[in-house]
Each structure stands twice: as C-alpha cells, then as structure tokens.
C-alpha cells in the first residue's frame, strides 16, 4: 500500500485517475486502523486488480474534512477517477468486511 502524506484534492485526483483504486483514510494512533493493518498484504493479494493507497489523517486532515470522511478507517473506491463507492465510519472492520465492500463496488 502506498502511503500518501500532505495530500490535497489535486494530488488525490492524480493518484486515482486511472484504473481501480482503493483509498484508505487512517491514522497511526487509531486503534481500529491498527487492528486492520496486518490484513492489508492479504487484501492486496486477494484483489490484485486494485491499487491501494493510504491517506494519513494527521497530514491530510483538511482533505478528509473536504471529502466528508469523519471516522477511521474509512474507504473510498475509484475507477478511472470516478468515485464508485464509499464506506465512511469509524467502526472496526475485518479483512472479510473490507473485501466484501470493495467487491460490492464492482457493479457500480
């Protein structure tokens, strides 16, 4: 997963402009984010058609506010620059829940 720091809307748009991209919004101090961290290599392996990037709350708080991301970890899925799904809340998520959410966006 590519870590993005000091991200604004323009930089994020450049990251998601082509292909399928999952953007994770998280923070190092977030317990729910840390819970999911060990699963990421497996999620990426299970979904190789996606690019995965992580936006750090501490360095990109303005972007998160602008996008309406209020809880962590949260996810937005893009295809060729267009948002096709979002899971925005601060609930603890399992590997299976994240993968099911990502797959649910494939028909959008």
C-alpha atoms as a PDB file:
ATOM      1  CA  UNK A   1       0.000   0.000   0.000  1.00  0.00           C
ATOM      2  CA  UNK A   2       1.297   3.395  -0.959  1.00  0.00           C
ATOM      3  CA  UNK A   3       1.294   5.919   1.907  1.00  0.00           C
ATOM      4  CA  UNK A   4       0.279   9.435   0.920  1.00  0.00           C
ATOM      5  CA  UNK A   5       1.243  12.358   3.115  1.00  0.00           C
ATOM      6  CA  UNK A   6       0.156  16.002   2.841  1.00  0.00           C
ATOM      7  CA  UNK A   7      -2.499  15.120   0.288  1.00  0.00           C
ATOM      8  CA  UNK A   8      -4.827  17.683  -1.226  1.00  0.00           C
ATOM      9  CA  UNK A   9      -7.694  17.109  -3.662  1.00  0.00           C
ATOM     10  CA  UNK A  10      -5.456  17.614  -6.713  1.00  0.00           C
ATOM     11  CA  UNK A  11      -2.847  15.100  -5.546  1.00  0.00           C
ATOM     12  CA  UNK A  12      -5.531  12.552  -4.694  1.00  0.00           C
ATOM     13  CA  UNK A  13      -7.202  13.033  -8.096  1.00  0.00           C
ATOM     14  CA  UNK A  14      -3.855  12.293  -9.748  1.00  0.00           C
ATOM     15  CA  UNK A  15      -3.486   9.071  -7.728  1.00  0.00           C
ATOM     16  CA  UNK A  16      -6.925   7.745  -8.673  1.00  0.00           C
ATOM     17  CA  UNK A  17      -7.181   8.945 -12.283  1.00  0.00           C
ATOM     18  CA  UNK A  18      -6.700   5.556 -13.931  1.00  0.00           C
ATOM     19  CA  UNK A  19      -7.655   2.023 -13.056  1.00  0.00           C
ATOM     20  CA  UNK A  20      -9.281   0.837  -9.855  1.00  0.00           C
ATOM     21  CA  UNK A  21      -8.023   2.438  -6.652  1.00  0.00           C
ATOM     22  CA  UNK A  22      -8.969   1.914  -3.018  1.00  0.00           C
ATOM     23  CA  UNK A  23      -8.167   4.867  -0.773  1.00  0.00           C
ATOM     24  CA  UNK A  24      -7.918   4.103   2.932  1.00  0.00           C
ATOM     25  CA  UNK A  25      -8.187   7.004   5.372  1.00  0.00           C
ATOM     26  CA  UNK A  26      -6.454   6.208   8.648  1.00  0.00           C
ATOM     27  CA  UNK A  27      -4.131   7.399  11.392  1.00  0.00           C
ATOM     28  CA  UNK A  28      -1.283   5.715  13.255  1.00  0.00           C
ATOM     29  CA  UNK A  29      -2.981   6.337  16.613  1.00  0.00           C
ATOM     30  CA  UNK A  30      -6.366   4.901  15.517  1.00  0.00           C
ATOM     31  CA  UNK A  31      -6.976   1.520  17.248  1.00  0.00           C
ATOM     32  CA  UNK A  32      -9.442   0.350  14.582  1.00  0.00           C
ATOM     33  CA  UNK A  33      -6.864   1.186  11.879  1.00  0.00           C
ATOM     34  CA  UNK A  34      -4.128  -0.703  13.716  1.00  0.00           C
ATOM     35  CA  UNK A  35      -6.458  -3.696  14.063  1.00  0.00           C
ATOM     36  CA  UNK A  36      -6.812  -3.896  10.268  1.00  0.00           C
ATOM     37  CA  UNK A  37      -3.145  -3.205   9.454  1.00  0.00           C
ATOM     38  CA  UNK A  38      -1.931  -6.856   9.461  1.00  0.00           C
ATOM     39  CA  UNK A  39      -4.632  -7.802   6.939  1.00  0.00           C
ATOM     40  CA  UNK A  40      -3.583  -5.347   4.219  1.00  0.00           C
ATOM     41  CA  UNK A  41      -0.992  -7.560   2.484  1.00  0.00           C
ATOM     42  CA  UNK A  42      -3.649 -10.290   2.207  1.00  0.00           C
ATOM     43  CA  UNK A  43      -6.337  -7.895   0.962  1.00  0.00           C
ATOM     44  CA  UNK A  44      -3.945  -6.604  -1.699  1.00  0.00           C
ATOM     45  CA  UNK A  45      -3.075 -10.167  -2.722  1.00  0.00           C
ATOM     46  CA  UNK A  46      -6.767 -11.149  -2.916  1.00  0.00           C
ATOM     47  CA  UNK A  47      -7.646  -8.085  -5.030  1.00  0.00           C
ATOM     48  CA  UNK A  48      -4.682  -7.618  -7.409  1.00  0.00           C
ATOM     49  CA  UNK A  49      -6.730  -5.596  -9.899  1.00  0.00           C
ATOM     50  CA  UNK A  50      -6.822  -2.701  -7.411  1.00  0.00           C
ATOM     51  CA  UNK A  51      -4.193  -0.173  -6.444  1.00  0.00           C
ATOM     52  CA  UNK A  52      -4.234   0.628  -2.716  1.00  0.00           C
ATOM     53  CA  UNK A  53      -3.256   3.958  -1.194  1.00  0.00           C
ATOM     54  CA  UNK A  54      -3.478   5.235   2.356  1.00  0.00           C
ATOM     55  CA  UNK A  55      -4.174   8.842   3.345  1.00  0.00           C
ATOM     56  CA  UNK A  56      -2.849   9.797   6.777  1.00  0.00           C
ATOM     57  CA  UNK A  57      -5.308  11.841   8.836  1.00  0.00           C
ATOM     58  CA  UNK A  58      -2.528  13.675  10.666  1.00  0.00           C
ATOM     59  CA  UNK A  59      -1.026  15.121   7.485  1.00  0.00           C
ATOM     60  CA  UNK A  60      -4.187  15.396   5.362  1.00  0.00           C
ATOM     61  CA  UNK A  61      -6.918  16.444   7.783  1.00  0.00           C
ATOM     62  CA  UNK A  62      -8.198  19.245   5.514  1.00  0.00           C
ATOM     63  CA  UNK A  63      -8.730  16.810   2.624  1.00  0.00           C
ATOM     64  CA  UNK A  64     -10.608  14.407   4.873  1.00  0.00           C
ATOM     65  CA  UNK A  65     -12.915  17.183   6.073  1.00  0.00           C
ATOM     66  CA  UNK A  66     -13.461  18.340   2.494  1.00  0.00           C
ATOM     67  CA  UNK A  67     -14.413  14.801   1.464  1.00  0.00           C
ATOM     68  CA  UNK A  68     -16.707  14.196   4.438  1.00  0.00           C
ATOM     69  CA  UNK A  69     -14.537  11.499   5.983  1.00  0.00           C
ATOM     70  CA  UNK A  70     -15.390  11.600   9.679  1.00  0.00           C
ATOM     71  CA  UNK A  71     -14.350   8.199  11.018  1.00  0.00           C
ATOM     72  CA  UNK A  72     -11.415   5.890  10.542  1.00  0.00           C
ATOM     73  CA  UNK A  73     -10.684   3.588   8.973  1.00  0.00           C
ATOM     74  CA  UNK A  74     -12.795   4.684   6.031  1.00  0.00           C
ATOM     75  CA  UNK A  75     -12.537   3.778   2.367  1.00  0.00           C
ATOM     76  CA  UNK A  76     -13.395   5.313  -0.982  1.00  0.00           C
ATOM     77  CA  UNK A  77     -13.124   3.262  -4.176  1.00  0.00           C
ATOM     78  CA  UNK A  78     -12.429   4.926  -7.530  1.00  0.00           C
ATOM     79  CA  UNK A  79     -12.448   3.657 -11.079  1.00  0.00           C
ATOM     80  CA  UNK A  80     -10.712   5.845 -13.663  1.00  0.00           C
ATOM     81  CA  UNK A  81     -11.036   8.875 -11.399  1.00  0.00           C
ATOM     82  CA  UNK A  82     -14.735   8.418 -10.638  1.00  0.00           C
ATOM     83  CA  UNK A  83     -15.879   7.555  -7.121  1.00  0.00           C
ATOM     84  CA  UNK A  84     -17.824   4.292  -7.232  1.00  0.00           C
ATOM     85  CA  UNK A  85     -18.221   3.518  -3.530  1.00  0.00           C
ATOM     86  CA  UNK A  86     -17.506   4.690  -0.031  1.00  0.00           C
ATOM     87  CA  UNK A  87     -17.503   3.152   3.412  1.00  0.00           C
ATOM     88  CA  UNK A  88     -17.243   6.045   5.838  1.00  0.00           C
ATOM     89  CA  UNK A  89     -17.435   5.262   9.542  1.00  0.00           C
ATOM     90  CA  UNK A  90     -15.182   4.605  12.489  1.00  0.00           C
ATOM     91  CA  UNK A  91     -16.234   1.028  13.122  1.00  0.00           C
ATOM     92  CA  UNK A  92     -13.722  -1.780  13.459  1.00  0.00           C
ATOM     93  CA  UNK A  93     -13.588  -3.736  10.209  1.00  0.00           C
ATOM     94  CA  UNK A  94     -12.345  -7.216   9.397  1.00  0.00           C
ATOM     95  CA  UNK A  95     -10.465  -8.320   6.293  1.00  0.00           C
ATOM     96  CA  UNK A  96     -13.630 -10.003   5.031  1.00  0.00           C
ATOM     97  CA  UNK A  97     -15.758  -6.882   5.543  1.00  0.00           C
ATOM     98  CA  UNK A  98     -13.273  -4.719   3.652  1.00  0.00           C
ATOM     99  CA  UNK A  99     -13.009  -7.182   0.766  1.00  0.00           C
ATOM    100  CA  UNK A 100     -16.804  -7.554   0.568  1.00  0.00           C
ATOM    101  CA  UNK A 101     -17.199  -3.775   0.459  1.00  0.00           C
ATOM    102  CA  UNK A 102     -14.603  -3.425  -2.320  1.00  0.00           C
ATOM    103  CA  UNK A 103     -16.184  -6.227  -4.350  1.00  0.00           C
ATOM    104  CA  UNK A 104     -19.636  -4.670  -3.890  1.00  0.00           C
ATOM    105  CA  UNK A 105     -18.462  -1.630  -5.870  1.00  0.00           C
ATOM    106  CA  UNK A 106     -17.618  -3.661  -8.970  1.00  0.00           C
ATOM    107  CA  UNK A 107     -21.117  -3.357 -10.453  1.00  0.00           C
ATOM    108  CA  UNK A 108     -21.412   0.405  -9.967  1.00  0.00           C
END
